[in-house]
Amino acid sequence: MPTSPRAVFSRVAAWLYARRRKLLMLALVVAFFYLLGYFTPRVSTPGMCLIYG
């Protein structure tokens, strides 16, 4: 098992390259829900602090 920094970087880069489509889709889903939560109106109800801390 190679442990030099160049070999580790090469393996990580190969892993990312092989899964780039899934990682891109995951990033897009996260961005969608982040923006959805950012632009929706804030809701505060009594007892909300009991649920969410």
PDB file of N, CA and C in Angstrom:
ATOM      1  N   MET A   1       0.851  -1.184   0.000  1.00  0.00           N
ATOM      2  CA  MET A   1       0.000   0.000   0.000  1.00  0.00           C
ATOM      3  C   MET A   1       0.889   1.236   0.000  1.00  0.00           C
ATOM      4  N   PRO A   2       0.827   2.056  -1.024  1.00  0.00           N
ATOM      5  CA  PRO A   2       1.666   3.257  -1.083  1.00  0.00           C
ATOM      6  C   PRO A   2       1.202   4.296  -0.072  1.00  0.00           C
ATOM      7  N   THR A   3       2.150   4.931   0.571  1.00  0.00           N
ATOM      8  CA  THR A   3       1.805   5.935   1.579  1.00  0.00           C
ATOM      9  C   THR A   3       2.412   7.291   1.278  1.00  0.00           C
ATOM     10  N   SER A   4       3.066   7.443   0.142  1.00  0.00           N
ATOM     11  CA  SER A   4       3.622   8.744  -0.184  1.00  0.00           C
ATOM     12  C   SER A   4       2.472   9.707  -0.508  1.00  0.00           C
ATOM     13  N   PRO A   5       2.678  10.984  -0.241  1.00  0.00           N
ATOM     14  CA  PRO A   5       1.597  11.949  -0.494  1.00  0.00           C
ATOM     15  C   PRO A   5       1.130  11.953  -1.951  1.00  0.00           C
ATOM     16  N   ARG A   6       2.034  11.773  -2.869  1.00  0.00           N
ATOM     17  CA  ARG A   6       1.652  11.762  -4.285  1.00  0.00           C
ATOM     18  C   ARG A   6       0.759  10.567  -4.589  1.00  0.00           C
ATOM     19  N   ALA A   7       1.073   9.407  -4.017  1.00  0.00           N
ATOM     20  CA  ALA A   7       0.268   8.210  -4.254  1.00  0.00           C
ATOM     21  C   ALA A   7      -1.109   8.346  -3.608  1.00  0.00           C
ATOM     22  N   VAL A   8      -1.151   8.920  -2.425  1.00  0.00           N
ATOM     23  CA  VAL A   8      -2.439   9.119  -1.748  1.00  0.00           C
ATOM     24  C   VAL A   8      -3.296  10.084  -2.556  1.00  0.00           C
ATOM     25  N   PHE A   9      -2.703  11.176  -3.012  1.00  0.00           N
ATOM     26  CA  PHE A   9      -3.441  12.133  -3.834  1.00  0.00           C
ATOM     27  C   PHE A   9      -3.943  11.490  -5.116  1.00  0.00           C
ATOM     28  N   SER A  10      -3.126  10.658  -5.704  1.00  0.00           N
ATOM     29  CA  SER A  10      -3.519   9.977  -6.935  1.00  0.00           C
ATOM     30  C   SER A  10      -4.716   9.063  -6.699  1.00  0.00           C
ATOM     31  N   ARG A  11      -4.694   8.346  -5.592  1.00  0.00           N
ATOM     32  CA  ARG A  11      -5.811   7.447  -5.282  1.00  0.00           C
ATOM     33  C   ARG A  11      -7.084   8.219  -4.986  1.00  0.00           C
ATOM     34  N   VAL A  12      -6.960   9.324  -4.238  1.00  0.00           N
ATOM     35  CA  VAL A  12      -8.136  10.141  -3.934  1.00  0.00           C
ATOM     36  C   VAL A  12      -8.689  10.756  -5.215  1.00  0.00           C
ATOM     37  N   ALA A  13      -7.821  11.259  -6.071  1.00  0.00           N
ATOM     38  CA  ALA A  13      -8.266  11.843  -7.333  1.00  0.00           C
ATOM     39  C   ALA A  13      -8.956  10.798  -8.200  1.00  0.00           C
ATOM     40  N   ALA A  14      -8.448   9.599  -8.231  1.00  0.00           N
ATOM     41  CA  ALA A  14      -9.071   8.533  -9.017  1.00  0.00           C
ATOM     42  C   ALA A  14     -10.444   8.169  -8.441  1.00  0.00           C
ATOM     43  N   TRP A  15     -10.555   8.140  -7.113  1.00  0.00           N
ATOM     44  CA  TRP A  15     -11.828   7.834  -6.464  1.00  0.00           C
ATOM     45  C   TRP A  15     -12.862   8.918  -6.793  1.00  0.00           C
ATOM     46  N   LEU A  16     -12.450  10.192  -6.718  1.00  0.00           N
ATOM     47  CA  LEU A  16     -13.351  11.294  -7.033  1.00  0.00           C
ATOM     48  C   LEU A  16     -13.756  11.273  -8.507  1.00  0.00           C
ATOM     49  N   TYR A  17     -12.811  10.995  -9.377  1.00  0.00           N
ATOM     50  CA  TYR A  17     -13.087  10.959 -10.812  1.00  0.00           C
ATOM     51  C   TYR A  17     -14.075   9.843 -11.149  1.00  0.00           C
ATOM     52  N   ALA A  18     -13.957   8.709 -10.476  1.00  0.00           N
ATOM     53  CA  ALA A  18     -14.847   7.582 -10.750  1.00  0.00           C
ATOM     54  C   ALA A  18     -16.266   7.856 -10.256  1.00  0.00           C
ATOM     55  N   ARG A  19     -16.422   8.715  -9.266  1.00  0.00           N
ATOM     56  CA  ARG A  19     -17.729   8.983  -8.682  1.00  0.00           C
ATOM     57  C   ARG A  19     -18.191  10.421  -8.903  1.00  0.00           C
ATOM     58  N   ARG A  20     -17.643  11.067  -9.908  1.00  0.00           N
ATOM     59  CA  ARG A  20     -17.929  12.490 -10.107  1.00  0.00           C
ATOM     60  C   ARG A  20     -19.395  12.763 -10.393  1.00  0.00           C
ATOM     61  N   ARG A  21     -20.079  11.896 -11.122  1.00  0.00           N
ATOM     62  CA  ARG A  21     -21.488  12.135 -11.441  1.00  0.00           C
ATOM     63  C   ARG A  21     -22.361  12.046 -10.186  1.00  0.00           C
ATOM     64  N   LYS A  22     -22.120  11.058  -9.344  1.00  0.00           N
ATOM     65  CA  LYS A  22     -22.900  10.935  -8.110  1.00  0.00           C
ATOM     66  C   LYS A  22     -22.613  12.101  -7.160  1.00  0.00           C
ATOM     67  N   LEU A  23     -21.359  12.511  -7.090  1.00  0.00           N
ATOM     68  CA  LEU A  23     -21.011  13.631  -6.219  1.00  0.00           C
ATOM     69  C   LEU A  23     -21.625  14.930  -6.723  1.00  0.00           C
ATOM     70  N   LEU A  24     -21.678  15.123  -8.029  1.00  0.00           N
ATOM     71  CA  LEU A  24     -22.300  16.307  -8.595  1.00  0.00           C
ATOM     72  C   LEU A  24     -23.802  16.319  -8.319  1.00  0.00           C
ATOM     73  N   MET A  25     -24.460  15.191  -8.496  1.00  0.00           N
ATOM     74  CA  MET A  25     -25.891  15.117  -8.213  1.00  0.00           C
ATOM     75  C   MET A  25     -26.176  15.378  -6.739  1.00  0.00           C
ATOM     76  N   LEU A  26     -25.353  14.833  -5.856  1.00  0.00           N
ATOM     77  CA  LEU A  26     -25.523  15.070  -4.426  1.00  0.00           C
ATOM     78  C   LEU A  26     -25.341  16.547  -4.097  1.00  0.00           C
ATOM     79  N   ALA A  27     -24.354  17.185  -4.698  1.00  0.00           N
ATOM     80  CA  ALA A  27     -24.123  18.612  -4.464  1.00  0.00           C
ATOM     81  C   ALA A  27     -25.296  19.443  -4.969  1.00  0.00           C
ATOM     82  N   LEU A  28     -25.878  19.070  -6.105  1.00  0.00           N
ATOM     83  CA  LEU A  28     -27.036  19.795  -6.627  1.00  0.00           C
ATOM     84  C   LEU A  28     -28.263  19.632  -5.737  1.00  0.00           C
ATOM     85  N   VAL A  29     -28.476  18.452  -5.200  1.00  0.00           N
ATOM     86  CA  VAL A  29     -29.605  18.232  -4.288  1.00  0.00           C
ATOM     87  C   VAL A  29     -29.419  19.043  -3.012  1.00  0.00           C
ATOM     88  N   VAL A  30     -28.219  19.047  -2.481  1.00  0.00           N
ATOM     89  CA  VAL A  30     -27.940  19.830  -1.277  1.00  0.00           C
ATOM     90  C   VAL A  30     -28.150  21.315  -1.549  1.00  0.00           C
ATOM     91  N   ALA A  31     -27.662  21.803  -2.678  1.00  0.00           N
ATOM     92  CA  ALA A  31     -27.820  23.215  -3.027  1.00  0.00           C
ATOM     93  C   ALA A  31     -29.299  23.564  -3.202  1.00  0.00           C
ATOM     94  N   PHE A  32     -30.076  22.676  -3.819  1.00  0.00           N
ATOM     95  CA  PHE A  32     -31.505  22.929  -3.997  1.00  0.00           C
ATOM     96  C   PHE A  32     -32.207  23.091  -2.663  1.00  0.00           C
ATOM     97  N   PHE A  33     -31.979  22.170  -1.738  1.00  0.00           N
ATOM     98  CA  PHE A  33     -32.664  22.262  -0.458  1.00  0.00           C
ATOM     99  C   PHE A  33     -32.143  23.417   0.385  1.00  0.00           C
ATOM    100  N   TYR A  34     -30.874  23.755   0.244  1.00  0.00           N
ATOM    101  CA  TYR A  34     -30.337  24.922   0.939  1.00  0.00           C
ATOM    102  C   TYR A  34     -31.030  26.191   0.450  1.00  0.00           C
ATOM    103  N   LEU A  35     -31.135  26.344  -0.869  1.00  0.00           N
ATOM    104  CA  LEU A  35     -31.790  27.530  -1.416  1.00  0.00           C
ATOM    105  C   LEU A  35     -33.282  27.536  -1.109  1.00  0.00           C
ATOM    106  N   LEU A  36     -33.905  26.393  -1.113  1.00  0.00           N
ATOM    107  CA  LEU A  36     -35.316  26.301  -0.762  1.00  0.00           C
ATOM    108  C   LEU A  36     -35.541  26.785   0.667  1.00  0.00           C
ATOM    109  N   GLY A  37     -34.691  26.363   1.584  1.00  0.00           N
ATOM    110  CA  GLY A  37     -34.812  26.808   2.956  1.00  0.00           C
ATOM    111  C   GLY A  37     -34.430  28.264   3.145  1.00  0.00           C
ATOM    112  N   TYR A  38     -33.530  28.751   2.327  1.00  0.00           N
ATOM    113  CA  TYR A  38     -33.078  30.137   2.456  1.00  0.00           C
ATOM    114  C   TYR A  38     -34.151  31.127   2.012  1.00  0.00           C
ATOM    115  N   PHE A  39     -34.884  30.786   0.955  1.00  0.00           N
ATOM    116  CA  PHE A  39     -35.853  31.719   0.398  1.00  0.00           C
ATOM    117  C   PHE A  39     -37.286  31.517   0.885  1.00  0.00           C
ATOM    118  N   THR A  40     -37.560  30.504   1.688  1.00  0.00           N
ATOM    119  CA  THR A  40     -38.909  30.337   2.226  1.00  0.00           C
ATOM    120  C   THR A  40     -39.059  31.191   3.470  1.00  0.00           C
ATOM    121  N   PRO A  41     -40.273  31.626   3.753  1.00  0.00           N
ATOM    122  CA  PRO A  41     -40.470  32.463   4.939  1.00  0.00           C
ATOM    123  C   PRO A  41     -40.231  31.679   6.222  1.00  0.00           C
ATOM    124  N   ARG A  42     -39.734  32.379   7.212  1.00  0.00           N
ATOM    125  CA  ARG A  42     -39.465  31.749   8.504  1.00  0.00           C
ATOM    126  C   ARG A  42     -40.782  31.507   9.247  1.00  0.00           C
ATOM    127  N   VAL A  43     -40.890  30.385   9.886  1.00  0.00           N
ATOM    128  CA  VAL A  43     -42.090  30.043  10.622  1.00  0.00           C
ATOM    129  C   VAL A  43     -41.699  29.829  12.072  1.00  0.00           C
ATOM    130  N   SER A  44     -42.397  30.498  12.949  1.00  0.00           N
ATOM    131  CA  SER A  44     -42.159  30.259  14.377  1.00  0.00           C
ATOM    132  C   SER A  44     -43.499  29.957  15.022  1.00  0.00           C
ATOM    133  N   THR A  45     -43.560  28.863  15.692  1.00  0.00           N
ATOM    134  CA  THR A  45     -44.774  28.463  16.365  1.00  0.00           C
ATOM    135  C   THR A  45     -44.466  28.242  17.835  1.00  0.00           C
ATOM    136  N   PRO A  46     -45.466  28.373  18.698  1.00  0.00           N
ATOM    137  CA  PRO A  46     -45.230  28.088  20.107  1.00  0.00           C
ATOM    138  C   PRO A  46     -44.795  26.634  20.294  1.00  0.00           C
ATOM    139  N   GLY A  47     -43.805  26.449  21.094  1.00  0.00           N
ATOM    140  CA  GLY A  47     -43.297  25.102  21.344  1.00  0.00           C
ATOM    141  C   GLY A  47     -42.259  24.651  20.350  1.00  0.00           C
ATOM    142  N   MET A  48     -41.923  25.487  19.378  1.00  0.00           N
ATOM    143  CA  MET A  48     -40.917  25.104  18.380  1.00  0.00           C
ATOM    144  C   MET A  48     -39.562  24.902  19.052  1.00  0.00           C
ATOM    145  N   CYS A  49     -39.263  25.702  20.068  1.00  0.00           N
ATOM    146  CA  CYS A  49     -37.983  25.544  20.743  1.00  0.00           C
ATOM    147  C   CYS A  49     -37.908  24.222  21.495  1.00  0.00           C
ATOM    148  N   LEU A  50     -39.061  23.680  21.860  1.00  0.00           N
ATOM    149  CA  LEU A  50     -39.063  22.378  22.531  1.00  0.00           C
ATOM    150  C   LEU A  50     -38.674  21.274  21.564  1.00  0.00           C
ATOM    151  N   ILE A  51     -39.017  21.453  20.290  1.00  0.00           N
ATOM    152  CA  ILE A  51     -38.734  20.431  19.295  1.00  0.00           C
ATOM    153  C   ILE A  51     -37.296  20.572  18.795  1.00  0.00           C
ATOM    154  N   TYR A  52     -36.898  21.767  18.446  1.00  0.00           N
ATOM    155  CA  TYR A  52     -35.630  21.981  17.792  1.00  0.00           C
ATOM    156  C   TYR A  52     -34.502  22.445  18.714  1.00  0.00           C
ATOM    157  N   GLY A  53     -34.796  22.590  19.977  1.00  0.00           N
ATOM    158  CA  GLY A  53     -33.741  22.991  20.906  1.00  0.00           C
ATOM    159  C   GLY A  53     -33.720  24.433  21.057  1.00  0.00           C
TER     160      GLY A  53
END
